Amino acid sequence: MSLDMYAESMIYAYEHPQHKRRMDNADVSFSEENISCGDRLTVYIKLEGRVMKEVSFDGLGCVISMGSAEILASEMHGKQIDEALSFGKNELLKLINIDPGPVRMHCATLSLRALRKALFLHEGMAADKETKEL
């Protein structure tokens, strides 16, 4: 896969992340790893009631996984928990504006899987089937 296929916004998000940082005062966090390629990240969420007041991430990975994490963190700022839990793979793919293909799909959805699992953990619920399949 060449860099030509990446959307400019994805490359920019990867090179200039605004939300890539540990959050020591997070209300909930969750770590995920893509064992097939070694990408790993932790998503941190600060809540105010049922609103995600701050979302950040930290980790190491490829342009697709880290760029997607940056774009997702920006999109989730200020969203309700229920909105985030209904935000799925198709919405993420529209948001990141690339087609990662079947081989890189797990890279693209790594941050969404971590975000949703963090919120399910916060809600005291097991992750749903859709989240497990991301």
N, C-alpha and C. Protein backbone atom coordinates (compact mmCIF):
# COMPACT_ATOMS: atom_id res chain seq x y z
N MET A 1 0.85 -1.17 0.00
CA MET A 1 0.00 0.00 0.00
C MET A 1 0.90 1.24 0.00
N SER A 2 0.71 2.09 -0.96
CA SER A 2 1.55 3.29 -1.04
C SER A 2 0.88 4.44 -0.31
N LEU A 3 1.67 5.45 0.03
CA LEU A 3 1.12 6.62 0.69
C LEU A 3 0.19 7.40 -0.21
N ASP A 4 0.25 7.17 -1.54
CA ASP A 4 -0.61 7.88 -2.47
C ASP A 4 -2.08 7.68 -2.16
N MET A 5 -2.43 6.51 -1.64
CA MET A 5 -3.84 6.22 -1.40
C MET A 5 -4.39 6.86 -0.13
N TYR A 6 -3.54 7.33 0.75
CA TYR A 6 -4.02 7.93 2.00
C TYR A 6 -4.57 9.33 1.71
N ALA A 7 -5.67 9.62 2.34
CA ALA A 7 -6.23 10.97 2.22
C ALA A 7 -5.28 11.95 2.92
N GLU A 8 -5.22 13.16 2.40
CA GLU A 8 -4.35 14.18 3.00
C GLU A 8 -4.70 14.41 4.47
N SER A 9 -5.98 14.37 4.78
CA SER A 9 -6.40 14.61 6.18
C SER A 9 -5.86 13.53 7.11
N MET A 10 -5.76 12.29 6.61
CA MET A 10 -5.22 11.19 7.42
C MET A 10 -3.74 11.42 7.70
N ILE A 11 -3.00 11.80 6.70
CA ILE A 11 -1.57 12.06 6.88
C ILE A 11 -1.37 13.24 7.82
N TYR A 12 -2.16 14.29 7.65
CA TYR A 12 -2.05 15.45 8.53
C TYR A 12 -2.34 15.06 9.98
N ALA A 13 -3.41 14.29 10.19
CA ALA A 13 -3.78 13.85 11.54
C ALA A 13 -2.65 13.04 12.18
N TYR A 14 -2.00 12.22 11.39
CA TYR A 14 -0.89 11.41 11.88
C TYR A 14 0.33 12.28 12.23
N GLU A 15 0.63 13.24 11.38
CA GLU A 15 1.82 14.06 11.58
C GLU A 15 1.63 15.18 12.59
N HIS A 16 0.39 15.62 12.81
CA HIS A 16 0.12 16.75 13.70
C HIS A 16 -1.02 16.44 14.67
N PRO A 17 -0.87 15.41 15.49
CA PRO A 17 -1.98 15.04 16.38
C PRO A 17 -2.20 16.09 17.48
N GLN A 18 -3.45 16.39 17.72
CA GLN A 18 -3.83 17.34 18.78
C GLN A 18 -4.33 16.61 20.03
N HIS A 19 -4.66 15.33 19.89
CA HIS A 19 -5.26 14.57 20.99
C HIS A 19 -4.40 13.40 21.45
N LYS A 20 -3.16 13.35 21.01
CA LYS A 20 -2.29 12.24 21.37
C LYS A 20 -1.54 12.59 22.66
N ARG A 21 -2.08 12.07 23.76
CA ARG A 21 -1.47 12.29 25.07
C ARG A 21 -2.15 11.40 26.11
N ARG A 22 -1.40 11.03 27.10
CA ARG A 22 -1.99 10.32 28.25
C ARG A 22 -2.89 11.29 29.00
N MET A 23 -3.91 10.77 29.59
CA MET A 23 -4.79 11.59 30.41
C MET A 23 -4.83 10.95 31.80
N ASP A 24 -4.09 11.54 32.73
CA ASP A 24 -3.98 10.97 34.08
C ASP A 24 -5.29 11.04 34.86
N ASN A 25 -6.17 11.98 34.53
CA ASN A 25 -7.41 12.13 35.27
C ASN A 25 -8.62 11.59 34.50
N ALA A 26 -8.38 10.64 33.59
CA ALA A 26 -9.47 10.06 32.79
C ALA A 26 -10.46 9.32 33.69
N ASP A 27 -11.71 9.40 33.33
CA ASP A 27 -12.74 8.64 34.03
C ASP A 27 -12.74 7.18 33.59
N VAL A 28 -12.34 6.95 32.37
CA VAL A 28 -12.26 5.59 31.85
C VAL A 28 -11.23 5.55 30.73
N SER A 29 -10.56 4.41 30.61
CA SER A 29 -9.60 4.22 29.53
C SER A 29 -9.62 2.75 29.14
N PHE A 30 -9.11 2.48 27.95
CA PHE A 30 -9.04 1.10 27.49
C PHE A 30 -7.91 0.97 26.49
N SER A 31 -7.16 -0.12 26.60
CA SER A 31 -6.03 -0.38 25.68
C SER A 31 -6.39 -1.50 24.73
N GLU A 32 -5.98 -1.33 23.49
CA GLU A 32 -6.20 -2.33 22.44
C GLU A 32 -4.92 -2.51 21.67
N GLU A 33 -4.78 -3.67 21.06
CA GLU A 33 -3.61 -3.98 20.24
C GLU A 33 -4.05 -4.73 19.00
N ASN A 34 -3.43 -4.41 17.89
CA ASN A 34 -3.64 -5.15 16.66
C ASN A 34 -2.49 -6.14 16.57
N ILE A 35 -2.73 -7.36 16.98
CA ILE A 35 -1.63 -8.33 17.09
C ILE A 35 -1.03 -8.71 15.74
N SER A 36 -1.77 -8.49 14.66
CA SER A 36 -1.24 -8.86 13.34
C SER A 36 -0.14 -7.90 12.88
N CYS A 37 -0.16 -6.66 13.37
CA CYS A 37 0.88 -5.72 12.91
C CYS A 37 1.61 -5.02 14.05
N GLY A 38 1.12 -5.15 15.27
CA GLY A 38 1.81 -4.57 16.41
C GLY A 38 1.34 -3.19 16.83
N ASP A 39 0.38 -2.60 16.11
CA ASP A 39 -0.17 -1.30 16.54
C ASP A 39 -0.83 -1.48 17.90
N ARG A 40 -0.64 -0.49 18.75
CA ARG A 40 -1.30 -0.53 20.07
C ARG A 40 -1.60 0.88 20.52
N LEU A 41 -2.72 1.01 21.19
CA LEU A 41 -3.09 2.34 21.70
C LEU A 41 -4.00 2.21 22.90
N THR A 42 -4.05 3.29 23.65
CA THR A 42 -4.96 3.42 24.78
C THR A 42 -5.80 4.66 24.51
N VAL A 43 -7.10 4.52 24.70
CA VAL A 43 -8.03 5.65 24.58
C VAL A 43 -8.39 6.09 26.00
N TYR A 44 -8.39 7.40 26.22
CA TYR A 44 -8.72 8.00 27.52
C TYR A 44 -9.94 8.90 27.33
N ILE A 45 -10.87 8.82 28.28
CA ILE A 45 -12.09 9.62 28.19
C ILE A 45 -12.37 10.31 29.52
N LYS A 46 -12.56 11.60 29.48
CA LYS A 46 -12.99 12.40 30.63
C LYS A 46 -14.47 12.72 30.41
N LEU A 47 -15.29 12.35 31.36
CA LEU A 47 -16.73 12.53 31.25
C LEU A 47 -17.24 13.64 32.14
N GLU A 48 -18.30 14.26 31.68
CA GLU A 48 -19.08 15.18 32.50
C GLU A 48 -20.52 14.72 32.34
N GLY A 49 -20.99 13.99 33.33
CA GLY A 49 -22.29 13.35 33.18
C GLY A 49 -22.16 12.27 32.11
N ARG A 50 -22.98 12.37 31.07
CA ARG A 50 -22.95 11.40 29.97
C ARG A 50 -22.30 11.98 28.72
N VAL A 51 -21.60 13.10 28.90
CA VAL A 51 -20.94 13.76 27.78
C VAL A 51 -19.43 13.53 27.87
N MET A 52 -18.83 13.19 26.73
CA MET A 52 -17.39 13.03 26.67
C MET A 52 -16.78 14.42 26.50
N LYS A 53 -16.30 14.98 27.59
CA LYS A 53 -15.73 16.33 27.56
C LYS A 53 -14.33 16.35 26.96
N GLU A 54 -13.63 15.24 27.07
CA GLU A 54 -12.28 15.17 26.50
C GLU A 54 -12.00 13.72 26.11
N VAL A 55 -11.42 13.54 24.94
CA VAL A 55 -11.00 12.23 24.46
C VAL A 55 -9.57 12.36 23.96
N SER A 56 -8.71 11.49 24.42
CA SER A 56 -7.33 11.47 23.93
C SER A 56 -6.89 10.03 23.75
N PHE A 57 -5.71 9.86 23.19
CA PHE A 57 -5.17 8.53 22.97
C PHE A 57 -3.65 8.61 23.07
N ASP A 58 -3.05 7.46 23.27
CA ASP A 58 -1.60 7.36 23.25
C ASP A 58 -1.25 5.98 22.71
N GLY A 59 -0.17 5.88 22.01
CA GLY A 59 0.24 4.59 21.50
C GLY A 59 1.20 4.71 20.35
N LEU A 60 1.44 3.57 19.73
CA LEU A 60 2.35 3.47 18.60
C LEU A 60 1.68 2.69 17.49
N GLY A 61 1.88 3.16 16.27
CA GLY A 61 1.31 2.43 15.16
C GLY A 61 1.51 3.13 13.85
N CYS A 62 0.88 2.59 12.84
CA CYS A 62 1.00 3.08 11.48
C CYS A 62 0.19 4.35 11.27
N VAL A 63 0.34 4.93 10.08
CA VAL A 63 -0.41 6.13 9.72
C VAL A 63 -1.91 5.90 9.86
N ILE A 64 -2.38 4.75 9.43
CA ILE A 64 -3.82 4.50 9.47
C ILE A 64 -4.33 4.40 10.90
N SER A 65 -3.67 3.64 11.76
CA SER A 65 -4.17 3.48 13.13
C SER A 65 -4.06 4.77 13.93
N MET A 66 -2.94 5.47 13.84
CA MET A 66 -2.76 6.69 14.62
C MET A 66 -3.54 7.86 14.02
N GLY A 67 -3.60 7.95 12.70
CA GLY A 67 -4.40 8.99 12.05
C GLY A 67 -5.88 8.82 12.36
N SER A 68 -6.37 7.59 12.30
CA SER A 68 -7.77 7.31 12.63
C SER A 68 -8.07 7.66 14.08
N ALA A 69 -7.14 7.34 14.96
CA ALA A 69 -7.33 7.65 16.39
C ALA A 69 -7.45 9.16 16.60
N GLU A 70 -6.62 9.92 15.92
CA GLU A 70 -6.67 11.38 16.04
C GLU A 70 -8.00 11.92 15.52
N ILE A 71 -8.41 11.47 14.35
CA ILE A 71 -9.66 11.94 13.75
C ILE A 71 -10.85 11.54 14.61
N LEU A 72 -10.85 10.32 15.13
CA LEU A 72 -11.94 9.85 15.99
C LEU A 72 -12.00 10.64 17.29
N ALA A 73 -10.86 10.88 17.92
CA ALA A 73 -10.83 11.63 19.18
C ALA A 73 -11.41 13.02 18.98
N SER A 74 -11.07 13.65 17.90
CA SER A 74 -11.60 14.98 17.59
C SER A 74 -13.11 14.93 17.38
N GLU A 75 -13.57 13.93 16.68
CA GLU A 75 -15.01 13.78 16.39
C GLU A 75 -15.82 13.50 17.66
N MET A 76 -15.27 12.75 18.59
CA MET A 76 -16.01 12.33 19.78
C MET A 76 -16.08 13.40 20.87
N HIS A 77 -15.23 14.42 20.79
CA HIS A 77 -15.26 15.50 21.78
C HIS A 77 -16.65 16.11 21.85
N GLY A 78 -17.24 16.10 23.05
CA GLY A 78 -18.54 16.71 23.27
C GLY A 78 -19.73 15.82 22.95
N LYS A 79 -19.49 14.60 22.51
CA LYS A 79 -20.59 13.68 22.16
C LYS A 79 -21.10 12.96 23.41
N GLN A 80 -22.35 12.59 23.35
CA GLN A 80 -22.98 11.77 24.39
C GLN A 80 -22.45 10.34 24.29
N ILE A 81 -22.44 9.62 25.40
CA ILE A 81 -22.01 8.22 25.41
C ILE A 81 -22.83 7.42 24.41
N ASP A 82 -24.14 7.62 24.39
CA ASP A 82 -25.00 6.86 23.49
C ASP A 82 -24.66 7.14 22.02
N GLU A 83 -24.30 8.37 21.70
CA GLU A 83 -23.89 8.70 20.33
C GLU A 83 -22.63 7.93 19.96
N ALA A 84 -21.69 7.87 20.88
CA ALA A 84 -20.43 7.18 20.60
C ALA A 84 -20.66 5.68 20.44
N LEU A 85 -21.54 5.12 21.25
CA LEU A 85 -21.80 3.68 21.15
C LEU A 85 -22.56 3.33 19.88
N SER A 86 -23.24 4.28 19.29
CA SER A 86 -23.94 4.00 18.03
C SER A 86 -23.08 4.36 16.81
N PHE A 87 -21.91 4.93 17.04
CA PHE A 87 -20.98 5.29 15.97
C PHE A 87 -20.22 4.04 15.58
N GLY A 88 -20.42 3.56 14.37
CA GLY A 88 -19.84 2.29 13.96
C GLY A 88 -18.78 2.41 12.89
N LYS A 89 -18.41 1.26 12.37
CA LYS A 89 -17.34 1.17 11.37
C LYS A 89 -17.65 2.01 10.13
N ASN A 90 -18.88 1.94 9.64
CA ASN A 90 -19.21 2.69 8.42
C ASN A 90 -19.07 4.19 8.64
N GLU A 91 -19.49 4.68 9.80
CA GLU A 91 -19.34 6.10 10.10
C GLU A 91 -17.87 6.49 10.21
N LEU A 92 -17.08 5.62 10.81
CA LEU A 92 -15.64 5.90 10.93
C LEU A 92 -14.99 5.96 9.55
N LEU A 93 -15.32 5.02 8.69
CA LEU A 93 -14.72 5.01 7.35
C LEU A 93 -15.08 6.26 6.56
N LYS A 94 -16.29 6.74 6.71
CA LYS A 94 -16.67 8.00 6.06
C LYS A 94 -15.87 9.16 6.64
N LEU A 95 -15.69 9.13 7.94
CA LEU A 95 -14.98 10.20 8.63
C LEU A 95 -13.50 10.26 8.23
N ILE A 96 -12.84 9.12 8.17
CA ILE A 96 -11.41 9.12 7.87
C ILE A 96 -11.14 9.26 6.37
N ASN A 97 -12.15 9.00 5.56
CA ASN A 97 -12.09 9.27 4.12
C ASN A 97 -11.04 8.46 3.37
N ILE A 98 -10.82 7.21 3.82
CA ILE A 98 -9.98 6.29 3.06
C ILE A 98 -10.65 4.92 3.08
N ASP A 99 -10.28 4.10 2.13
CA ASP A 99 -10.68 2.70 2.12
C ASP A 99 -9.44 1.89 2.46
N PRO A 100 -9.33 1.44 3.71
CA PRO A 100 -8.11 0.75 4.11
C PRO A 100 -8.00 -0.66 3.53
N GLY A 101 -9.07 -1.18 2.95
CA GLY A 101 -9.05 -2.54 2.43
C GLY A 101 -9.12 -3.54 3.56
N PRO A 102 -9.32 -4.79 3.23
CA PRO A 102 -9.50 -5.81 4.27
C PRO A 102 -8.26 -6.05 5.13
N VAL A 103 -7.09 -5.89 4.57
CA VAL A 103 -5.85 -6.17 5.32
C VAL A 103 -5.61 -5.11 6.39
N ARG A 104 -5.93 -3.86 6.10
CA ARG A 104 -5.65 -2.76 7.04
C ARG A 104 -6.88 -2.29 7.82
N MET A 105 -8.02 -2.97 7.66
CA MET A 105 -9.24 -2.56 8.35
C MET A 105 -9.06 -2.55 9.86
N HIS A 106 -8.34 -3.54 10.40
CA HIS A 106 -8.12 -3.57 11.86
C HIS A 106 -7.28 -2.39 12.32
N CYS A 107 -6.41 -1.88 11.48
CA CYS A 107 -5.65 -0.67 11.81
C CYS A 107 -6.60 0.52 11.90
N ALA A 108 -7.47 0.63 10.91
CA ALA A 108 -8.39 1.77 10.85
C ALA A 108 -9.39 1.78 12.00
N THR A 109 -9.78 0.61 12.48
CA THR A 109 -10.83 0.53 13.51
C THR A 109 -10.30 0.31 14.92
N LEU A 110 -8.99 0.26 15.08
CA LEU A 110 -8.40 0.00 16.40
C LEU A 110 -8.87 1.01 17.45
N SER A 111 -8.86 2.28 17.13
CA SER A 111 -9.26 3.30 18.09
C SER A 111 -10.75 3.24 18.39
N LEU A 112 -11.56 2.93 17.40
CA LEU A 112 -13.00 2.82 17.62
C LEU A 112 -13.30 1.65 18.54
N ARG A 113 -12.60 0.53 18.34
CA ARG A 113 -12.78 -0.63 19.21
C ARG A 113 -12.41 -0.27 20.65
N ALA A 114 -11.31 0.43 20.84
CA ALA A 114 -10.88 0.82 22.20
C ALA A 114 -11.87 1.80 22.82
N LEU A 115 -12.31 2.78 22.04
CA LEU A 115 -13.27 3.77 22.55
C LEU A 115 -14.56 3.10 23.00
N ARG A 116 -15.10 2.25 22.15
CA ARG A 116 -16.36 1.58 22.47
C ARG A 116 -16.20 0.65 23.68
N LYS A 117 -15.09 -0.08 23.75
CA LYS A 117 -14.87 -0.97 24.90
C LYS A 117 -14.71 -0.17 26.18
N ALA A 118 -14.07 0.99 26.11
CA ALA A 118 -13.96 1.85 27.29
C ALA A 118 -15.34 2.28 27.77
N LEU A 119 -16.19 2.66 26.84
CA LEU A 119 -17.53 3.11 27.21
C LEU A 119 -18.40 1.96 27.72
N PHE A 120 -18.27 0.78 27.11
CA PHE A 120 -19.00 -0.38 27.64
C PHE A 120 -18.53 -0.69 29.05
N LEU A 121 -17.23 -0.61 29.30
CA LEU A 121 -16.68 -0.81 30.63
C LEU A 121 -17.28 0.19 31.61
N HIS A 122 -17.30 1.44 31.22
CA HIS A 122 -17.88 2.49 32.06
C HIS A 122 -19.34 2.21 32.37
N GLU A 123 -20.07 1.70 31.39
CA GLU A 123 -21.49 1.43 31.56
C GLU A 123 -21.75 0.10 32.28
N GLY A 124 -20.69 -0.64 32.59
CA GLY A 124 -20.85 -1.92 33.27
C GLY A 124 -21.45 -2.99 32.38
N MET A 125 -21.17 -2.88 31.08
CA MET A 125 -21.73 -3.81 30.10
C MET A 125 -20.60 -4.51 29.33
N ALA A 126 -20.90 -5.70 28.84
CA ALA A 126 -19.95 -6.39 27.96
C ALA A 126 -20.02 -5.75 26.58
N ALA A 127 -18.90 -5.75 25.88
CA ALA A 127 -18.87 -5.21 24.52
C ALA A 127 -19.82 -6.00 23.63
N ASP A 128 -20.49 -5.29 22.73
CA ASP A 128 -21.42 -5.95 21.82
C ASP A 128 -20.67 -6.65 20.68
N LYS A 129 -21.39 -7.43 19.90
CA LYS A 129 -20.82 -8.20 18.81
C LYS A 129 -20.12 -7.31 17.79
N GLU A 130 -20.76 -6.18 17.44
CA GLU A 130 -20.18 -5.26 16.45
C GLU A 130 -18.80 -4.78 16.90
N THR A 131 -18.68 -4.42 18.18
CA THR A 131 -17.41 -3.93 18.70
C THR A 131 -16.35 -5.02 18.67
N LYS A 132 -16.72 -6.23 19.05
CA LYS A 132 -15.76 -7.33 19.04
C LYS A 132 -15.26 -7.65 17.64
N GLU A 133 -16.08 -7.36 16.62
CA GLU A 133 -15.71 -7.69 15.25
C GLU A 133 -14.96 -6.57 14.54
N LEU A 134 -14.78 -5.43 15.20
CA LEU A 134 -14.06 -4.31 14.56
C LEU A 134 -12.61 -4.67 14.31
